[in-house]
Amino acid sequence: MPYLSVREDRKRVAHEIRQIANEEGALVIAVYVMIDHTHLLVKLPNSIAPSVFMGAVKRRSAFCMNQNEQVVRWQRGFGAFHLSEAQGIATRKYIVNQEEHHKLKQYEDFLDESTEF
């Protein structure tokens, strides 16, 4: 399984995701690319389906990295959630502090805490 082990490669993928979002009229609230997965909090306009947006993200970010001889393959599918404002705030914090959160707790635990707002 290919991994994004070089921090600069992960930054390039995050940059590509932001570019795609900008072109599609979406707002990236938070994005963090880990070695083996990515977390993205994005507000999509009503004119684009989540599956269409994620297809573009996967296709173009993989193409970008593969041009630099770094093989990137995304898994099939993706997870998408509609969040309340409180959950959105908590999720943004989770994504921004991604590495720390992976050391401490699972995402489900974090979402449970966010419902207490």
PDB file of N, CA and C in Angstrom:
ATOM      1  N   MET A   1       0.845  -1.178   0.000  1.00  0.00           N
ATOM      2  CA  MET A   1       0.000   0.000   0.000  1.00  0.00           C
ATOM      3  C   MET A   1       0.894   1.246   0.000  1.00  0.00           C
ATOM      4  N   PRO A   2       0.695   2.145  -0.922  1.00  0.00           N
ATOM      5  CA  PRO A   2       1.497   3.368  -0.961  1.00  0.00           C
ATOM      6  C   PRO A   2       1.131   4.312   0.187  1.00  0.00           C
ATOM      7  N   TYR A   3       2.141   4.940   0.733  1.00  0.00           N
ATOM      8  CA  TYR A   3       1.945   5.894   1.818  1.00  0.00           C
ATOM      9  C   TYR A   3       2.571   7.224   1.448  1.00  0.00           C
ATOM     10  N   LEU A   4       2.041   8.286   2.009  1.00  0.00           N
ATOM     11  CA  LEU A   4       2.616   9.619   1.825  1.00  0.00           C
ATOM     12  C   LEU A   4       3.522   9.896   3.018  1.00  0.00           C
ATOM     13  N   SER A   5       4.710   9.314   2.988  1.00  0.00           N
ATOM     14  CA  SER A   5       5.603   9.397   4.134  1.00  0.00           C
ATOM     15  C   SER A   5       6.395  10.698   4.197  1.00  0.00           C
ATOM     16  N   VAL A   6       6.470  11.432   3.101  1.00  0.00           N
ATOM     17  CA  VAL A   6       7.227  12.689   3.074  1.00  0.00           C
ATOM     18  C   VAL A   6       6.261  13.848   3.325  1.00  0.00           C
ATOM     19  N   ARG A   7       6.565  14.659   4.331  1.00  0.00           N
ATOM     20  CA  ARG A   7       5.684  15.764   4.717  1.00  0.00           C
ATOM     21  C   ARG A   7       5.389  16.701   3.550  1.00  0.00           C
ATOM     22  N   GLU A   8       6.368  16.977   2.712  1.00  0.00           N
ATOM     23  CA  GLU A   8       6.155  17.873   1.563  1.00  0.00           C
ATOM     24  C   GLU A   8       5.131  17.293   0.588  1.00  0.00           C
ATOM     25  N   ASP A   9       5.132  15.988   0.426  1.00  0.00           N
ATOM     26  CA  ASP A   9       4.127  15.348  -0.435  1.00  0.00           C
ATOM     27  C   ASP A   9       2.732  15.532   0.149  1.00  0.00           C
ATOM     28  N   ARG A  10       2.614  15.390   1.458  1.00  0.00           N
ATOM     29  CA  ARG A  10       1.316  15.579   2.107  1.00  0.00           C
ATOM     30  C   ARG A  10       0.844  17.023   1.956  1.00  0.00           C
ATOM     31  N   LYS A  11       1.780  17.958   2.046  1.00  0.00           N
ATOM     32  CA  LYS A  11       1.428  19.372   1.857  1.00  0.00           C
ATOM     33  C   LYS A  11       0.961  19.629   0.432  1.00  0.00           C
ATOM     34  N   ARG A  12       1.581  18.976  -0.535  1.00  0.00           N
ATOM     35  CA  ARG A  12       1.165  19.145  -1.936  1.00  0.00           C
ATOM     36  C   ARG A  12      -0.244  18.609  -2.161  1.00  0.00           C
ATOM     37  N   VAL A  13      -0.556  17.482  -1.549  1.00  0.00           N
ATOM     38  CA  VAL A  13      -1.906  16.929  -1.673  1.00  0.00           C
ATOM     39  C   VAL A  13      -2.919  17.888  -1.038  1.00  0.00           C
ATOM     40  N   ALA A  14      -2.610  18.418   0.135  1.00  0.00           N
ATOM     41  CA  ALA A  14      -3.515  19.372   0.789  1.00  0.00           C
ATOM     42  C   ALA A  14      -3.706  20.616  -0.077  1.00  0.00           C
ATOM     43  N   HIS A  15      -2.630  21.090  -0.682  1.00  0.00           N
ATOM     44  CA  HIS A  15      -2.715  22.258  -1.572  1.00  0.00           C
ATOM     45  C   HIS A  15      -3.606  21.958  -2.775  1.00  0.00           C
ATOM     46  N   GLU A  16      -3.454  20.785  -3.344  1.00  0.00           N
ATOM     47  CA  GLU A  16      -4.271  20.385  -4.493  1.00  0.00           C
ATOM     48  C   GLU A  16      -5.751  20.311  -4.100  1.00  0.00           C
ATOM     49  N   ILE A  17      -6.031  19.790  -2.927  1.00  0.00           N
ATOM     50  CA  ILE A  17      -7.414  19.719  -2.449  1.00  0.00           C
ATOM     51  C   ILE A  17      -8.000  21.125  -2.324  1.00  0.00           C
ATOM     52  N   ARG A  18      -7.219  22.047  -1.786  1.00  0.00           N
ATOM     53  CA  ARG A  18      -7.695  23.437  -1.649  1.00  0.00           C
ATOM     54  C   ARG A  18      -7.960  24.062  -3.019  1.00  0.00           C
ATOM     55  N   GLN A  19      -7.097  23.779  -3.985  1.00  0.00           N
ATOM     56  CA  GLN A  19      -7.300  24.311  -5.340  1.00  0.00           C
ATOM     57  C   GLN A  19      -8.590  23.776  -5.956  1.00  0.00           C
ATOM     58  N   ILE A  20      -8.811  22.496  -5.829  1.00  0.00           N
ATOM     59  CA  ILE A  20     -10.019  21.873  -6.371  1.00  0.00           C
ATOM     60  C   ILE A  20     -11.253  22.498  -5.722  1.00  0.00           C
ATOM     61  N   ALA A  21     -11.218  22.635  -4.415  1.00  0.00           N
ATOM     62  CA  ALA A  21     -12.350  23.229  -3.702  1.00  0.00           C
ATOM     63  C   ALA A  21     -12.617  24.643  -4.199  1.00  0.00           C
ATOM     64  N   ASN A  22     -11.574  25.421  -4.352  1.00  0.00           N
ATOM     65  CA  ASN A  22     -11.719  26.792  -4.833  1.00  0.00           C
ATOM     66  C   ASN A  22     -12.369  26.821  -6.217  1.00  0.00           C
ATOM     67  N   GLU A  23     -11.912  25.954  -7.100  1.00  0.00           N
ATOM     68  CA  GLU A  23     -12.462  25.890  -8.458  1.00  0.00           C
ATOM     69  C   GLU A  23     -13.931  25.466  -8.467  1.00  0.00           C
ATOM     70  N   GLU A  24     -14.318  24.664  -7.500  1.00  0.00           N
ATOM     71  CA  GLU A  24     -15.691  24.145  -7.440  1.00  0.00           C
ATOM     72  C   GLU A  24     -16.613  25.030  -6.605  1.00  0.00           C
ATOM     73  N   GLY A  25     -16.071  26.109  -6.047  1.00  0.00           N
ATOM     74  CA  GLY A  25     -16.887  26.995  -5.219  1.00  0.00           C
ATOM     75  C   GLY A  25     -17.133  26.449  -3.824  1.00  0.00           C
ATOM     76  N   ALA A  26     -16.301  25.516  -3.396  1.00  0.00           N
ATOM     77  CA  ALA A  26     -16.418  24.924  -2.063  1.00  0.00           C
ATOM     78  C   ALA A  26     -15.482  25.655  -1.101  1.00  0.00           C
ATOM     79  N   LEU A  27     -15.761  25.542   0.172  1.00  0.00           N
ATOM     80  CA  LEU A  27     -14.941  26.173   1.199  1.00  0.00           C
ATOM     81  C   LEU A  27     -14.280  25.092   2.046  1.00  0.00           C
ATOM     82  N   VAL A  28     -12.950  25.027   1.998  1.00  0.00           N
ATOM     83  CA  VAL A  28     -12.220  24.097   2.857  1.00  0.00           C
ATOM     84  C   VAL A  28     -12.094  24.748   4.227  1.00  0.00           C
ATOM     85  N   ILE A  29     -12.670  24.122   5.205  1.00  0.00           N
ATOM     86  CA  ILE A  29     -12.599  24.623   6.569  1.00  0.00           C
ATOM     87  C   ILE A  29     -11.367  24.050   7.254  1.00  0.00           C
ATOM     88  N   ALA A  30     -11.060  22.797   6.973  1.00  0.00           N
ATOM     89  CA  ALA A  30      -9.861  22.155   7.514  1.00  0.00           C
ATOM     90  C   ALA A  30      -9.510  20.955   6.650  1.00  0.00           C
ATOM     91  N   VAL A  31      -8.219  20.755   6.461  1.00  0.00           N
ATOM     92  CA  VAL A  31      -7.735  19.569   5.758  1.00  0.00           C
ATOM     93  C   VAL A  31      -6.418  19.161   6.403  1.00  0.00           C
ATOM     94  N   TYR A  32      -6.265  17.858   6.613  1.00  0.00           N
ATOM     95  CA  TYR A  32      -5.000  17.345   7.126  1.00  0.00           C
ATOM     96  C   TYR A  32      -4.735  16.010   6.446  1.00  0.00           C
ATOM     97  N   VAL A  33      -3.600  15.921   5.803  1.00  0.00           N
ATOM     98  CA  VAL A  33      -3.208  14.706   5.091  1.00  0.00           C
ATOM     99  C   VAL A  33      -2.225  13.947   5.970  1.00  0.00           C
ATOM    100  N   MET A  34      -2.627  12.765   6.403  1.00  0.00           N
ATOM    101  CA  MET A  34      -1.757  11.896   7.189  1.00  0.00           C
ATOM    102  C   MET A  34      -1.001  10.986   6.225  1.00  0.00           C
ATOM    103  N   ILE A  35      -0.159  10.148   6.770  1.00  0.00           N
ATOM    104  CA  ILE A  35       0.635   9.238   5.954  1.00  0.00           C
ATOM    105  C   ILE A  35      -0.266   8.302   5.147  1.00  0.00           C
ATOM    106  N   ASP A  36      -1.354   7.833   5.763  1.00  0.00           N
ATOM    107  CA  ASP A  36      -2.179   6.814   5.111  1.00  0.00           C
ATOM    108  C   ASP A  36      -3.652   7.182   4.957  1.00  0.00           C
ATOM    109  N   HIS A  37      -4.025   8.401   5.308  1.00  0.00           N
ATOM    110  CA  HIS A  37      -5.411   8.839   5.127  1.00  0.00           C
ATOM    111  C   HIS A  37      -5.497  10.356   5.244  1.00  0.00           C
ATOM    112  N   THR A  38      -6.650  10.877   4.868  1.00  0.00           N
ATOM    113  CA  THR A  38      -6.858  12.323   4.880  1.00  0.00           C
ATOM    114  C   THR A  38      -8.178  12.644   5.564  1.00  0.00           C
ATOM    115  N   HIS A  39      -8.173  13.725   6.331  1.00  0.00           N
ATOM    116  CA  HIS A  39      -9.408  14.253   6.906  1.00  0.00           C
ATOM    117  C   HIS A  39      -9.669  15.602   6.267  1.00  0.00           C
ATOM    118  N   LEU A  40     -10.909  15.810   5.852  1.00  0.00           N
ATOM    119  CA  LEU A  40     -11.286  17.035   5.150  1.00  0.00           C
ATOM    120  C   LEU A  40     -12.641  17.500   5.656  1.00  0.00           C
ATOM    121  N   LEU A  41     -12.695  18.751   6.079  1.00  0.00           N
ATOM    122  CA  LEU A  41     -13.957  19.381   6.444  1.00  0.00           C
ATOM    123  C   LEU A  41     -14.193  20.469   5.419  1.00  0.00           C
ATOM    124  N   VAL A  42     -15.242  20.287   4.643  1.00  0.00           N
ATOM    125  CA  VAL A  42     -15.492  21.186   3.518  1.00  0.00           C
ATOM    126  C   VAL A  42     -16.978  21.517   3.446  1.00  0.00           C
ATOM    127  N   LYS A  43     -17.255  22.756   3.102  1.00  0.00           N
ATOM    128  CA  LYS A  43     -18.640  23.168   2.860  1.00  0.00           C
ATOM    129  C   LYS A  43     -18.827  23.230   1.358  1.00  0.00           C
ATOM    130  N   LEU A  44     -19.685  22.343   0.851  1.00  0.00           N
ATOM    131  CA  LEU A  44     -19.923  22.257  -0.588  1.00  0.00           C
ATOM    132  C   LEU A  44     -21.125  23.106  -0.983  1.00  0.00           C
ATOM    133  N   PRO A  45     -21.051  23.727  -2.158  1.00  0.00           N
ATOM    134  CA  PRO A  45     -22.245  24.421  -2.652  1.00  0.00           C
ATOM    135  C   PRO A  45     -23.292  23.381  -3.055  1.00  0.00           C
ATOM    136  N   ASN A  46     -24.540  23.780  -3.098  1.00  0.00           N
ATOM    137  CA  ASN A  46     -25.616  22.853  -3.479  1.00  0.00           C
ATOM    138  C   ASN A  46     -25.459  22.323  -4.895  1.00  0.00           C
ATOM    139  N   SER A  47     -24.647  22.992  -5.701  1.00  0.00           N
ATOM    140  CA  SER A  47     -24.503  22.615  -7.111  1.00  0.00           C
ATOM    141  C   SER A  47     -23.573  21.426  -7.342  1.00  0.00           C
ATOM    142  N   ILE A  48     -22.907  20.939  -6.304  1.00  0.00           N
ATOM    143  CA  ILE A  48     -21.986  19.809  -6.492  1.00  0.00           C
ATOM    144  C   ILE A  48     -22.274  18.720  -5.461  1.00  0.00           C
ATOM    145  N   ALA A  49     -22.411  17.507  -5.952  1.00  0.00           N
ATOM    146  CA  ALA A  49     -22.639  16.354  -5.075  1.00  0.00           C
ATOM    147  C   ALA A  49     -21.332  15.970  -4.388  1.00  0.00           C
ATOM    148  N   PRO A  50     -21.404  15.509  -3.146  1.00  0.00           N
ATOM    149  CA  PRO A  50     -20.185  15.080  -2.460  1.00  0.00           C
ATOM    150  C   PRO A  50     -19.387  14.046  -3.259  1.00  0.00           C
ATOM    151  N   SER A  51     -20.071  13.122  -3.922  1.00  0.00           N
ATOM    152  CA  SER A  51     -19.364  12.090  -4.693  1.00  0.00           C
ATOM    153  C   SER A  51     -18.607  12.691  -5.872  1.00  0.00           C
ATOM    154  N   VAL A  52     -19.167  13.701  -6.505  1.00  0.00           N
ATOM    155  CA  VAL A  52     -18.490  14.368  -7.626  1.00  0.00           C
ATOM    156  C   VAL A  52     -17.264  15.114  -7.111  1.00  0.00           C
ATOM    157  N   PHE A  53     -17.427  15.823  -6.013  1.00  0.00           N
ATOM    158  CA  PHE A  53     -16.306  16.563  -5.431  1.00  0.00           C
ATOM    159  C   PHE A  53     -15.184  15.614  -5.021  1.00  0.00           C
ATOM    160  N   MET A  54     -15.530  14.543  -4.308  1.00  0.00           N
ATOM    161  CA  MET A  54     -14.497  13.613  -3.849  1.00  0.00           C
ATOM    162  C   MET A  54     -13.847  12.881  -5.011  1.00  0.00           C
ATOM    163  N   GLY A  55     -14.600  12.609  -6.066  1.00  0.00           N
ATOM    164  CA  GLY A  55     -14.001  12.015  -7.264  1.00  0.00           C
ATOM    165  C   GLY A  55     -12.936  12.923  -7.841  1.00  0.00           C
ATOM    166  N   ALA A  56     -13.224  14.221  -7.913  1.00  0.00           N
ATOM    167  CA  ALA A  56     -12.244  15.187  -8.420  1.00  0.00           C
ATOM    168  C   ALA A  56     -11.035  15.268  -7.494  1.00  0.00           C
ATOM    169  N   VAL A  57     -11.276  15.274  -6.194  1.00  0.00           N
ATOM    170  CA  VAL A  57     -10.173  15.338  -5.223  1.00  0.00           C
ATOM    171  C   VAL A  57      -9.254  14.133  -5.385  1.00  0.00           C
ATOM    172  N   LYS A  58      -9.821  12.959  -5.432  1.00  0.00           N
ATOM    173  CA  LYS A  58      -9.010  11.745  -5.546  1.00  0.00           C
ATOM    174  C   LYS A  58      -8.266  11.684  -6.876  1.00  0.00           C
ATOM    175  N   ARG A  59      -8.980  11.955  -7.937  1.00  0.00           N
ATOM    176  CA  ARG A  59      -8.388  11.871  -9.276  1.00  0.00           C
ATOM    177  C   ARG A  59      -7.237  12.866  -9.430  1.00  0.00           C
ATOM    178  N   ARG A  60      -7.498  14.123  -9.117  1.00  0.00           N
ATOM    179  CA  ARG A  60      -6.491  15.161  -9.361  1.00  0.00           C
ATOM    180  C   ARG A  60      -5.327  15.111  -8.384  1.00  0.00           C
ATOM    181  N   SER A  61      -5.574  14.783  -7.133  1.00  0.00           N
ATOM    182  CA  SER A  61      -4.455  14.702  -6.192  1.00  0.00           C
ATOM    183  C   SER A  61      -3.568  13.506  -6.524  1.00  0.00           C
ATOM    184  N   ALA A  62      -4.159  12.392  -6.921  1.00  0.00           N
ATOM    185  CA  ALA A  62      -3.357  11.233  -7.329  1.00  0.00           C
ATOM    186  C   ALA A  62      -2.555  11.557  -8.581  1.00  0.00           C
ATOM    187  N   PHE A  63      -3.184  12.219  -9.543  1.00  0.00           N
ATOM    188  CA  PHE A  63      -2.484  12.602 -10.770  1.00  0.00           C
ATOM    189  C   PHE A  63      -1.304  13.515 -10.448  1.00  0.00           C
ATOM    190  N   CYS A  64      -1.530  14.492  -9.591  1.00  0.00           N
ATOM    191  CA  CYS A  64      -0.477  15.431  -9.190  1.00  0.00           C
ATOM    192  C   CYS A  64       0.720  14.686  -8.589  1.00  0.00           C
ATOM    193  N   MET A  65       0.458  13.767  -7.672  1.00  0.00           N
ATOM    194  CA  MET A  65       1.541  13.036  -7.020  1.00  0.00           C
ATOM    195  C   MET A  65       2.193  12.037  -7.967  1.00  0.00           C
ATOM    196  N   ASN A  66       1.403  11.387  -8.805  1.00  0.00           N
ATOM    197  CA  ASN A  66       1.960  10.400  -9.724  1.00  0.00           C
ATOM    198  C   ASN A  66       2.869  11.046 -10.763  1.00  0.00           C
ATOM    199  N   GLN A  67       2.638  12.320 -11.072  1.00  0.00           N
ATOM    200  CA  GLN A  67       3.518  13.053 -11.988  1.00  0.00           C
ATOM    201  C   GLN A  67       4.923  13.181 -11.411  1.00  0.00           C
ATOM    202  N   ASN A  68       5.010  13.150 -10.082  1.00  0.00           N
ATOM    203  CA  ASN A  68       6.294  13.275  -9.391  1.00  0.00           C
ATOM    204  C   ASN A  68       6.836  11.923  -8.938  1.00  0.00           C
ATOM    205  N   GLU A  69       6.382  10.881  -9.590  1.00  0.00           N
ATOM    206  CA  GLU A  69       6.838   9.516  -9.324  1.00  0.00           C
ATOM    207  C   GLU A  69       6.537   9.043  -7.909  1.00  0.00           C
ATOM    208  N   GLN A  70       5.563   9.657  -7.257  1.00  0.00           N
ATOM    209  CA  GLN A  70       5.077   9.196  -5.958  1.00  0.00           C
ATOM    210  C   GLN A  70       3.724   8.549  -6.233  1.00  0.00           C
ATOM    211  N   VAL A  71       3.645   7.246  -6.115  1.00  0.00           N
ATOM    212  CA  VAL A  71       2.415   6.535  -6.449  1.00  0.00           C
ATOM    213  C   VAL A  71       1.388   6.743  -5.332  1.00  0.00           C
ATOM    214  N   VAL A  72       0.243   7.297  -5.698  1.00  0.00           N
ATOM    215  CA  VAL A  72      -0.846   7.509  -4.747  1.00  0.00           C
ATOM    216  C   VAL A  72      -2.079   6.795  -5.265  1.00  0.00           C
ATOM    217  N   ARG A  73      -2.651   5.974  -4.429  1.00  0.00           N
ATOM    218  CA  ARG A  73      -3.904   5.298  -4.758  1.00  0.00           C
ATOM    219  C   ARG A  73      -4.856   5.500  -3.591  1.00  0.00           C
ATOM    220  N   TRP A  74      -5.996   6.051  -3.887  1.00  0.00           N
ATOM    221  CA  TRP A  74      -7.010   6.249  -2.860  1.00  0.00           C
ATOM    222  C   TRP A  74      -7.857   4.990  -2.735  1.00  0.00           C
ATOM    223  N   GLN A  75      -8.381   4.747  -1.548  1.00  0.00           N
ATOM    224  CA  GLN A  75      -9.315   3.633  -1.374  1.00  0.00           C
ATOM    225  C   GLN A  75     -10.611   3.951  -2.102  1.00  0.00           C
ATOM    226  N   ARG A  76     -11.397   2.939  -2.354  1.00  0.00           N
ATOM    227  CA  ARG A  76     -12.722   3.158  -2.942  1.00  0.00           C
ATOM    228  C   ARG A  76     -13.624   3.779  -1.887  1.00  0.00           C
ATOM    229  N   GLY A  77     -14.499   4.640  -2.346  1.00  0.00           N
ATOM    230  CA  GLY A  77     -15.471   5.238  -1.445  1.00  0.00           C
ATOM    231  C   GLY A  77     -14.878   6.321  -0.561  1.00  0.00           C
ATOM    232  N   PHE A  78     -15.713   6.838   0.317  1.00  0.00           N
ATOM    233  CA  PHE A  78     -15.311   7.868   1.268  1.00  0.00           C
ATOM    234  C   PHE A  78     -16.415   7.979   2.305  1.00  0.00           C
ATOM    235  N   GLY A  79     -16.094   8.582   3.421  1.00  0.00           N
ATOM    236  CA  GLY A  79     -17.103   8.843   4.442  1.00  0.00           C
ATOM    237  C   GLY A  79     -17.517  10.296   4.372  1.00  0.00           C
ATOM    238  N   ALA A  80     -18.799  10.554   4.465  1.00  0.00           N
ATOM    239  CA  ALA A  80     -19.303  11.929   4.460  1.00  0.00           C
ATOM    240  C   ALA A  80     -20.373  12.060   5.535  1.00  0.00           C
ATOM    241  N   PHE A  81     -20.336  13.178   6.228  1.00  0.00           N
ATOM    242  CA  PHE A  81     -21.268  13.413   7.317  1.00  0.00           C
ATOM    243  C   PHE A  81     -21.803  14.834   7.239  1.00  0.00           C
ATOM    244  N   HIS A  82     -23.047  14.994   7.602  1.00  0.00           N
ATOM    245  CA  HIS A  82     -23.633  16.321   7.763  1.00  0.00           C
ATOM    246  C   HIS A  82     -23.500  16.649   9.246  1.00  0.00           C
ATOM    247  N   LEU A  83     -22.881  17.782   9.559  1.00  0.00           N
ATOM    248  CA  LEU A  83     -22.592  18.115  10.951  1.00  0.00           C
ATOM    249  C   LEU A  83     -23.377  19.327  11.418  1.00  0.00           C
ATOM    250  N   SER A  84     -23.720  19.316  12.690  1.00  0.00           N
ATOM    251  CA  SER A  84     -24.290  20.510  13.302  1.00  0.00           C
ATOM    252  C   SER A  84     -23.169  21.542  13.441  1.00  0.00           C
ATOM    253  N   GLU A  85     -23.525  22.765  13.777  1.00  0.00           N
ATOM    254  CA  GLU A  85     -22.497  23.796  13.943  1.00  0.00           C
ATOM    255  C   GLU A  85     -21.501  23.403  15.032  1.00  0.00           C
ATOM    256  N   ALA A  86     -21.994  22.895  16.152  1.00  0.00           N
ATOM    257  CA  ALA A  86     -21.105  22.486  17.244  1.00  0.00           C
ATOM    258  C   ALA A  86     -20.196  21.342  16.811  1.00  0.00           C
ATOM    259  N   GLN A  87     -20.742  20.373  16.091  1.00  0.00           N
ATOM    260  CA  GLN A  87     -19.919  19.263  15.610  1.00  0.00           C
ATOM    261  C   GLN A  87     -18.898  19.753  14.592  1.00  0.00           C
ATOM    262  N   GLY A  88     -19.276  20.731  13.772  1.00  0.00           N
ATOM    263  CA  GLY A  88     -18.341  21.305  12.806  1.00  0.00           C
ATOM    264  C   GLY A  88     -17.164  21.964  13.489  1.00  0.00           C
ATOM    265  N   ILE A  89     -17.433  22.707  14.551  1.00  0.00           N
ATOM    266  CA  ILE A  89     -16.365  23.369  15.310  1.00  0.00           C
ATOM    267  C   ILE A  89     -15.447  22.323  15.933  1.00  0.00           C
ATOM    268  N   ALA A  90     -16.041  21.305  16.542  1.00  0.00           N
ATOM    269  CA  ALA A  90     -15.247  20.243  17.165  1.00  0.00           C
ATOM    270  C   ALA A  90     -14.448  19.464  16.125  1.00  0.00           C
ATOM    271  N   THR A  91     -15.047  19.212  14.974  1.00  0.00           N
ATOM    272  CA  THR A  91     -14.363  18.467  13.912  1.00  0.00           C
ATOM    273  C   THR A  91     -13.194  19.261  13.356  1.00  0.00           C
ATOM    274  N   ARG A  92     -13.364  20.572  13.197  1.00  0.00           N
ATOM    275  CA  ARG A  92     -12.262  21.419  12.734  1.00  0.00           C
ATOM    276  C   ARG A  92     -11.080  21.317  13.705  1.00  0.00           C
ATOM    277  N   LYS A  93     -11.355  21.397  14.997  1.00  0.00           N
ATOM    278  CA  LYS A  93     -10.290  21.281  16.003  1.00  0.00           C
ATOM    279  C   LYS A  93      -9.615  19.917  15.902  1.00  0.00           C
ATOM    280  N   TYR A  94     -10.414  18.901  15.721  1.00  0.00           N
ATOM    281  CA  TYR A  94      -9.883  17.540  15.586  1.00  0.00           C
ATOM    282  C   TYR A  94      -8.941  17.438  14.391  1.00  0.00           C
ATOM    283  N   ILE A  95      -9.351  17.993  13.262  1.00  0.00           N
ATOM    284  CA  ILE A  95      -8.539  17.903  12.047  1.00  0.00           C
ATOM    285  C   ILE A  95      -7.259  18.706  12.190  1.00  0.00           C
ATOM    286  N   VAL A  96      -7.362  19.911  12.725  1.00  0.00           N
ATOM    287  CA  VAL A  96      -6.188  20.773  12.881  1.00  0.00           C
ATOM    288  C   VAL A  96      -5.150  20.112  13.792  1.00  0.00           C
ATOM    289  N   ASN A  97      -5.617  19.385  14.796  1.00  0.00           N
ATOM    290  CA  ASN A  97      -4.718  18.711  15.743  1.00  0.00           C
ATOM    291  C   ASN A  97      -4.651  17.213  15.478  1.00  0.00           C
ATOM    292  N   GLN A  98      -4.715  16.843  14.211  1.00  0.00           N
ATOM    293  CA  GLN A  98      -4.837  15.462  13.781  1.00  0.00           C
ATOM    294  C   GLN A  98      -3.828  14.500  14.402  1.00  0.00           C
ATOM    295  N   GLU A  99      -2.570  14.808  14.325  1.00  0.00           N
ATOM    296  CA  GLU A  99      -1.559  13.867  14.822  1.00  0.00           C
ATOM    297  C   GLU A  99      -1.731  13.616  16.313  1.00  0.00           C
ATOM    298  N   GLU A 100      -1.992  14.663  17.068  1.00  0.00           N
ATOM    299  CA  GLU A 100      -2.184  14.541  18.503  1.00  0.00           C
ATOM    300  C   GLU A 100      -3.420  13.698  18.819  1.00  0.00           C
ATOM    301  N   HIS A 101      -4.506  13.938  18.100  1.00  0.00           N
ATOM    302  CA  HIS A 101      -5.738  13.192  18.346  1.00  0.00           C
ATOM    303  C   HIS A 101      -5.582  11.709  18.038  1.00  0.00           C
ATOM    304  N   HIS A 102      -4.805  11.367  17.023  1.00  0.00           N
ATOM    305  CA  HIS A 102      -4.606   9.951  16.704  1.00  0.00           C
ATOM    306  C   HIS A 102      -3.849   9.246  17.818  1.00  0.00           C
ATOM    307  N   LYS A 103      -3.044   9.977  18.532  1.00  0.00           N
ATOM    308  CA  LYS A 103      -2.320   9.383  19.647  1.00  0.00           C
ATOM    309  C   LYS A 103      -3.236   9.162  20.852  1.00  0.00           C
ATOM    310  N   LEU A 104      -4.252  10.024  21.002  1.00  0.00           N
ATOM    311  CA  LEU A 104      -5.043  10.035  22.227  1.00  0.00           C
ATOM    312  C   LEU A 104      -6.382   9.308  22.166  1.00  0.00           C
ATOM    313  N   LYS A 105      -7.143   9.496  21.072  1.00  0.00           N
ATOM    314  CA  LYS A 105      -8.491   8.923  21.033  1.00  0.00           C
ATOM    315  C   LYS A 105      -8.985   8.753  19.610  1.00  0.00           C
ATOM    316  N   GLN A 106     -10.052   8.009  19.475  1.00  0.00           N
ATOM    317  CA  GLN A 106     -10.666   7.779  18.179  1.00  0.00           C
ATOM    318  C   GLN A 106     -11.648   8.901  17.856  1.00  0.00           C
ATOM    319  N   TYR A 107     -11.920   9.106  16.573  1.00  0.00           N
ATOM    320  CA  TYR A 107     -12.816  10.167  16.115  1.00  0.00           C
ATOM    321  C   TYR A 107     -14.215  10.035  16.718  1.00  0.00           C
ATOM    322  N   GLU A 108     -14.728   8.823  16.855  1.00  0.00           N
ATOM    323  CA  GLU A 108     -16.066   8.621  17.394  1.00  0.00           C
ATOM    324  C   GLU A 108     -16.162   9.174  18.813  1.00  0.00           C
ATOM    325  N   ASP A 109     -15.112   8.987  19.611  1.00  0.00           N
ATOM    326  CA  ASP A 109     -15.087   9.541  20.961  1.00  0.00           C
ATOM    327  C   ASP A 109     -15.152  11.059  20.918  1.00  0.00           C
ATOM    328  N   PHE A 110     -14.437  11.634  19.963  1.00  0.00           N
ATOM    329  CA  PHE A 110     -14.395  13.085  19.824  1.00  0.00           C
ATOM    330  C   PHE A 110     -15.763  13.632  19.427  1.00  0.00           C
ATOM    331  N   LEU A 111     -16.449  12.977  18.495  1.00  0.00           N
ATOM    332  CA  LEU A 111     -17.786  13.433  18.092  1.00  0.00           C
ATOM    333  C   LEU A 111     -18.772  13.322  19.248  1.00  0.00           C
ATOM    334  N   ASP A 112     -18.664  12.265  20.041  1.00  0.00           N
ATOM    335  CA  ASP A 112     -19.545  12.128  21.198  1.00  0.00           C
ATOM    336  C   ASP A 112     -19.388  13.318  22.133  1.00  0.00           C
ATOM    337  N   GLU A 113     -18.155  13.764  22.344  1.00  0.00           N
ATOM    338  CA  GLU A 113     -17.901  14.918  23.198  1.00  0.00           C
ATOM    339  C   GLU A 113     -18.496  16.189  22.610  1.00  0.00           C
ATOM    340  N   SER A 114     -18.506  16.307  21.291  1.00  0.00           N
ATOM    341  CA  SER A 114     -18.974  17.538  20.652  1.00  0.00           C
ATOM    342  C   SER A 114     -20.477  17.727  20.803  1.00  0.00           C
ATOM    343  N   THR A 115     -21.208  16.669  21.111  1.00  0.00           N
ATOM    344  CA  THR A 115     -22.661  16.804  21.261  1.00  0.00           C
ATOM    345  C   THR A 115     -23.026  17.423  22.600  1.00  0.00           C
ATOM    346  N   GLU A 116     -22.044  17.614  23.460  1.00  0.00           N
ATOM    347  CA  GLU A 116     -22.302  18.204  24.769  1.00  0.00           C
ATOM    348  C   GLU A 116     -22.396  19.720  24.712  1.00  0.00           C
ATOM    349  N   PHE A 117     -22.118  20.346  23.581  1.00  0.00           N
ATOM    350  CA  PHE A 117     -22.159  21.811  23.466  1.00  0.00           C
ATOM    351  C   PHE A 117     -23.566  22.327  23.579  1.00  0.00           C
TER     352      PHE A 117
END
